[in-house]
C-alpha atoms as a PDB file:
ATOM      1  CA  MET A   1      50.423  98.224   8.366  1.00  0.00           C
ATOM      2  CA  ASP A   2      52.935  98.007  11.489  1.00  0.00           C
ATOM      3  CA  ASN A   3      52.955  95.151  13.987  1.00  0.00           C
ATOM      4  CA  LEU A   4      51.021  96.965  16.621  1.00  0.00           C
ATOM      5  CA  GLN A   5      48.307  97.644  14.005  1.00  0.00           C
ATOM      6  CA  LEU A   6      48.414  94.033  13.213  1.00  0.00           C
ATOM      7  CA  ILE A   7      47.949  93.034  16.965  1.00  0.00           C
ATOM      8  CA  ASN A   8      45.122  95.565  17.734  1.00  0.00           C
ATOM      9  CA  ASN A   9      43.314  94.428  14.703  1.00  0.00           C
ATOM     10  CA  LYS A  10      42.843  90.951  16.394  1.00  0.00           C
ATOM     11  CA  ILE A  11      41.099  92.520  19.192  1.00  0.00           C
ATOM     12  CA  ILE A  12      37.496  92.760  18.304  1.00  0.00           C
ATOM     13  CA  ALA A  13      33.810  93.245  18.800  1.00  0.00           C
ATOM     14  CA  LYS A  14      31.203  90.894  18.578  1.00  0.00           C
ATOM     15  CA  ALA A  15      30.020  92.123  15.463  1.00  0.00           C
ATOM     16  CA  GLU A  16      33.091  92.175  13.851  1.00  0.00           C
ATOM     17  CA  LEU A  17      33.621  88.778  15.011  1.00  0.00           C
ATOM     18  CA  THR A  18      30.551  87.715  13.039  1.00  0.00           C
ATOM     19  CA  ILE A  19      31.928  88.916   9.752  1.00  0.00           C
ATOM     20  CA  ARG A  20      35.126  87.208  10.424  1.00  0.00           C
ATOM     21  CA  LEU A  21      33.371  83.764  11.386  1.00  0.00           C
ATOM     22  CA  GLY A  22      31.627  84.016   8.027  1.00  0.00           C
ATOM     23  CA  GLN A  23      35.118  84.493   6.124  1.00  0.00           C
ATOM     24  CA  TRP A  24      36.502  81.748   8.265  1.00  0.00           C
ATOM     25  CA  ARG A  25      33.819  79.476   7.622  1.00  0.00           C
ATOM     26  CA  ALA A  26      33.619  80.462   3.809  1.00  0.00           C
ATOM     27  CA  GLN A  27      37.255  79.047   3.517  1.00  0.00           C
ATOM     28  CA  SER A  28      36.502  75.947   5.630  1.00  0.00           C
ATOM     29  CA  LEU A  29      38.412  76.571   8.604  1.00  0.00           C
ATOM     30  CA  LYS A  30      37.872  74.735  11.835  1.00  0.00           C
ATOM     31  CA  VAL A  31      37.093  77.263  14.575  1.00  0.00           C
ATOM     32  CA  VAL A  32      38.552  76.387  17.870  1.00  0.00           C
ATOM     33  CA  PHE A  33      37.347  78.655  21.022  1.00  0.00           C
ATOM     34  CA  THR A  34      38.693  79.096  24.463  1.00  0.00           C
ATOM     35  CA  ASN A  35      38.105  81.728  27.198  1.00  0.00           C
ATOM     36  CA  GLY A  36      39.681  82.969  30.582  1.00  0.00           C
ATOM     37  CA  CYS A  37      40.977  86.068  32.668  1.00  0.00           C
ATOM     38  CA  PHE A  38      44.447  85.703  31.259  1.00  0.00           C
ATOM     39  CA  ASP A  39      45.417  88.208  34.164  1.00  0.00           C
ATOM     40  CA  ILE A  40      49.406  87.777  34.235  1.00  0.00           C
ATOM     41  CA  LEU A  41      50.142  85.825  31.033  1.00  0.00           C
ATOM     42  CA  HIS A  42      52.554  82.916  31.871  1.00  0.00           C
ATOM     43  CA  ARG A  43      53.723  79.785  30.682  1.00  0.00           C
ATOM     44  CA  GLY A  44      51.146  77.844  31.313  1.00  0.00           C
ATOM     45  CA  HIS A  45      48.729  80.090  29.651  1.00  0.00           C
ATOM     46  CA  VAL A  46      50.894  79.968  26.395  1.00  0.00           C
ATOM     47  CA  GLU A  47      51.200  76.201  26.363  1.00  0.00           C
ATOM     48  CA  TYR A  48      47.510  75.766  26.986  1.00  0.00           C
ATOM     49  CA  LEU A  49      46.441  78.439  24.113  1.00  0.00           C
ATOM     50  CA  SER A  50      49.178  76.938  21.828  1.00  0.00           C
ATOM     51  CA  LYS A  51      47.633  73.299  22.227  1.00  0.00           C
ATOM     52  CA  ALA A  52      44.215  74.844  21.738  1.00  0.00           C
ATOM     53  CA  ALA A  53      44.938  76.533  18.383  1.00  0.00           C
ATOM     54  CA  ASP A  54      46.608  73.050  17.260  1.00  0.00           C
ATOM     55  CA  MET A  55      43.259  71.482  17.724  1.00  0.00           C
ATOM     56  CA  GLY A  56      42.001  73.612  14.731  1.00  0.00           C
ATOM     57  CA  ASP A  57      42.643  76.753  12.122  1.00  0.00           C
ATOM     58  CA  VAL A  58      41.622  79.648  13.693  1.00  0.00           C
ATOM     59  CA  LEU A  59      41.803  80.372  17.355  1.00  0.00           C
ATOM     60  CA  VAL A  60      39.583  82.588  19.088  1.00  0.00           C
ATOM     61  CA  VAL A  61      39.839  83.772  22.659  1.00  0.00           C
ATOM     62  CA  GLY A  62      37.105  85.006  24.705  1.00  0.00           C
ATOM     63  CA  LEU A  63      38.482  87.314  27.679  1.00  0.00           C
ATOM     64  CA  ASN A  64      36.818  88.232  30.825  1.00  0.00           C
ATOM     65  CA  THR A  65      36.292  92.173  30.964  1.00  0.00           C
ATOM     66  CA  ASP A  66      37.678  94.025  34.165  1.00  0.00           C
ATOM     67  CA  ALA A  67      34.421  93.862  35.824  1.00  0.00           C
ATOM     68  CA  SER A  68      33.861  90.266  35.078  1.00  0.00           C
ATOM     69  CA  VAL A  69      37.046  89.292  36.638  1.00  0.00           C
ATOM     70  CA  LYS A  70      36.604  91.374  39.668  1.00  0.00           C
ATOM     71  CA  ARG A  71      33.352  89.462  40.208  1.00  0.00           C
ATOM     72  CA  LEU A  72      35.075  86.103  39.644  1.00  0.00           C
ATOM     73  CA  LYS A  73      38.473  86.688  41.450  1.00  0.00           C
ATOM     74  CA  GLY A  74      37.587  89.260  43.909  1.00  0.00           C
ATOM     75  CA  GLU A  75      38.925  92.794  44.964  1.00  0.00           C
ATOM     76  CA  GLY A  76      42.703  93.569  43.791  1.00  0.00           C
ATOM     77  CA  ARG A  77      41.983  91.582  40.449  1.00  0.00           C
ATOM     78  CA  PRO A  78      42.602  92.060  37.775  1.00  0.00           C
ATOM     79  CA  VAL A  79      46.336  93.059  37.925  1.00  0.00           C
ATOM     80  CA  ASN A  80      46.248  93.965  34.105  1.00  0.00           C
ATOM     81  CA  ASN A  81      43.600  95.712  32.749  1.00  0.00           C
ATOM     82  CA  GLU A  82      41.256  94.165  29.816  1.00  0.00           C
ATOM     83  CA  GLU A  83      43.170  96.655  27.130  1.00  0.00           C
ATOM     84  CA  ALA A  84      46.880  95.314  28.219  1.00  0.00           C
ATOM     85  CA  ARG A  85      45.542  91.481  28.657  1.00  0.00           C
ATOM     86  CA  ALA A  86      43.866  91.912  25.158  1.00  0.00           C
ATOM     87  CA  LEU A  87      46.895  93.192  23.581  1.00  0.00           C
ATOM     88  CA  VAL A  88      49.088  90.530  24.996  1.00  0.00           C
ATOM     89  CA  LEU A  89      46.926  87.681  24.072  1.00  0.00           C
ATOM     90  CA  ALA A  90      46.322  89.188  20.470  1.00  0.00           C
ATOM     91  CA  SER A  91      50.430  89.495  20.293  1.00  0.00           C
ATOM     92  CA  LEU A  92      50.419  85.505  20.211  1.00  0.00           C
ATOM     93  CA  SER A  93      50.990  84.321  16.298  1.00  0.00           C
ATOM     94  CA  PHE A  94      48.239  81.421  17.330  1.00  0.00           C
ATOM     95  CA  VAL A  95      45.772  83.768  18.549  1.00  0.00           C
ATOM     96  CA  ASP A  96      43.504  84.972  15.672  1.00  0.00           C
ATOM     97  CA  ALA A  97      41.069  87.051  17.682  1.00  0.00           C
ATOM     98  CA  VAL A  98      40.401  88.223  21.026  1.00  0.00           C
ATOM     99  CA  VAL A  99      36.665  89.391  22.010  1.00  0.00           C
ATOM    100  CA  LEU A 100      35.801  90.689  25.293  1.00  0.00           C
ATOM    101  CA  PHE A 101      32.665  89.322  27.293  1.00  0.00           C
ATOM    102  CA  ASP A 102      31.192  90.992  30.582  1.00  0.00           C
ATOM    103  CA  GLU A 103      29.151  87.946  31.618  1.00  0.00           C
ATOM    104  CA  ASP A 104      30.645  85.591  34.112  1.00  0.00           C
ATOM    105  CA  THR A 105      30.582  82.775  31.970  1.00  0.00           C
ATOM    106  CA  PRO A 106      31.166  82.950  28.024  1.00  0.00           C
ATOM    107  CA  TYR A 107      27.722  81.126  27.519  1.00  0.00           C
ATOM    108  CA  GLU A 108      26.278  83.855  25.203  1.00  0.00           C
ATOM    109  CA  LEU A 109      29.697  84.221  23.226  1.00  0.00           C
ATOM    110  CA  ILE A 110      29.850  80.703  22.543  1.00  0.00           C
ATOM    111  CA  LYS A 111      26.511  80.864  21.179  1.00  0.00           C
ATOM    112  CA  ALA A 112      27.550  83.310  18.706  1.00  0.00           C
ATOM    113  CA  VAL A 113      30.826  81.924  18.028  1.00  0.00           C
ATOM    114  CA  ARG A 114      29.659  78.227  17.538  1.00  0.00           C
ATOM    115  CA  PRO A 115      32.731  76.817  17.550  1.00  0.00           C
ATOM    116  CA  ASP A 116      33.907  73.433  16.210  1.00  0.00           C
ATOM    117  CA  VAL A 117      35.943  72.858  18.902  1.00  0.00           C
ATOM    118  CA  LEU A 118      35.464  74.376  22.573  1.00  0.00           C
ATOM    119  CA  VAL A 119      38.782  73.892  24.600  1.00  0.00           C
ATOM    120  CA  LYS A 120      39.227  74.395  28.462  1.00  0.00           C
ATOM    121  CA  GLY A 121      41.738  73.143  31.089  1.00  0.00           C
ATOM    122  CA  ALA A 122      42.006  69.733  32.400  1.00  0.00           C
ATOM    123  CA  ASP A 123      40.812  70.848  35.556  1.00  0.00           C
ATOM    124  CA  TYR A 124      37.237  70.583  33.905  1.00  0.00           C
ATOM    125  CA  LYS A 125      35.530  67.516  33.247  1.00  0.00           C
ATOM    126  CA  PRO A 126      34.067  67.972  29.262  1.00  0.00           C
ATOM    127  CA  GLU A 127      30.213  67.903  30.373  1.00  0.00           C
ATOM    128  CA  GLU A 128      31.016  70.866  32.983  1.00  0.00           C
ATOM    129  CA  ILE A 129      32.543  73.160  30.823  1.00  0.00           C
ATOM    130  CA  VAL A 130      30.149  76.190  29.971  1.00  0.00           C
ATOM    131  CA  GLY A 131      28.934  75.878  26.690  1.00  0.00           C
ATOM    132  CA  TYR A 132      29.404  71.841  26.279  1.00  0.00           C
ATOM    133  CA  ASP A 133      25.355  71.432  25.720  1.00  0.00           C
ATOM    134  CA  ILE A 134      25.585  74.233  22.725  1.00  0.00           C
ATOM    135  CA  VAL A 135      28.692  72.766  21.243  1.00  0.00           C
ATOM    136  CA  THR A 136      27.622  69.114  21.471  1.00  0.00           C
ATOM    137  CA  SER A 137      24.103  69.883  20.025  1.00  0.00           C
ATOM    138  CA  TYR A 138      25.430  70.405  16.526  1.00  0.00           C
ATOM    139  CA  GLY A 139      28.125  67.974  16.422  1.00  0.00           C
ATOM    140  CA  GLY A 140      31.049  70.061  17.715  1.00  0.00           C
ATOM    141  CA  LYS A 141      34.012  68.659  20.066  1.00  0.00           C
ATOM    142  CA  VAL A 142      34.544  69.833  23.639  1.00  0.00           C
ATOM    143  CA  GLU A 143      38.334  69.131  24.524  1.00  0.00           C
ATOM    144  CA  THR A 144      40.543  69.614  27.560  1.00  0.00           C
ATOM    145  CA  VAL A 145      44.229  70.527  27.718  1.00  0.00           C
ATOM    146  CA  PRO A 146      46.401  69.321  30.634  1.00  0.00           C
ATOM    147  CA  LEU A 147      47.575  71.832  33.021  1.00  0.00           C
ATOM    148  CA  VAL A 148      51.332  73.087  33.294  1.00  0.00           C
ATOM    149  CA  GLU A 149      52.072  72.338  36.579  1.00  0.00           C
ATOM    150  CA  GLY A 150      53.126  75.121  38.838  1.00  0.00           C
ATOM    151  CA  TYR A 151      51.836  77.954  36.741  1.00  0.00           C
ATOM    152  CA  SER A 152      48.812  79.815  37.996  1.00  0.00           C
ATOM    153  CA  THR A 153      48.286  83.856  38.471  1.00  0.00           C
ATOM    154  CA  THR A 154      46.649  83.201  41.851  1.00  0.00           C
ATOM    155  CA  ARG A 155      49.532  80.771  42.760  1.00  0.00           C
ATOM    156  CA  PHE A 156      52.078  83.615  41.725  1.00  0.00           C
ATOM    157  CA  LEU A 157      50.095  86.525  43.509  1.00  0.00           C
ATOM    158  CA  ASN A 158      49.902  84.445  46.680  1.00  0.00           C
ATOM    159  CA  THR A 159      53.854  84.045  46.624  1.00  0.00           C
ATOM    160  CA  LEU A 160      54.230  88.085  46.590  1.00  0.00           C
ATOM    161  CA  GLN A 161      52.133  88.277  49.710  1.00  0.00           C
END
């Protein structure tokens, strides 16, 4: 199997994710989940995702669909379509799965994943993070990762205008 096939095999639907989660859990692997738009991948994203991956054995990334990004960020977004964003995320060695979700929040996806660790940026308080109630209900952890100062897709796009 070539590298591009390996990358594409990490981009999966919810049904396939359920199967992989079962396999990972059978191996007693700690599952970490995070989510975002990841429109223009930058250093801040890479550092954030790598730190999230360090909190467990498997990193699952929920990725907002194009329609979801447009609702959240407005017209003109996303810059990169969902297929391109998923491919770039999946190419990161520490990302094990990328799953698209169309809702404005990943709440339903978090219910399906039942991660051991839920991670978001430190611009959120843990108890304000979508899915906090789900994850803490079964003893999972909700963690935050400090943001890298000066890196933001929105900020980058604003400098172009």
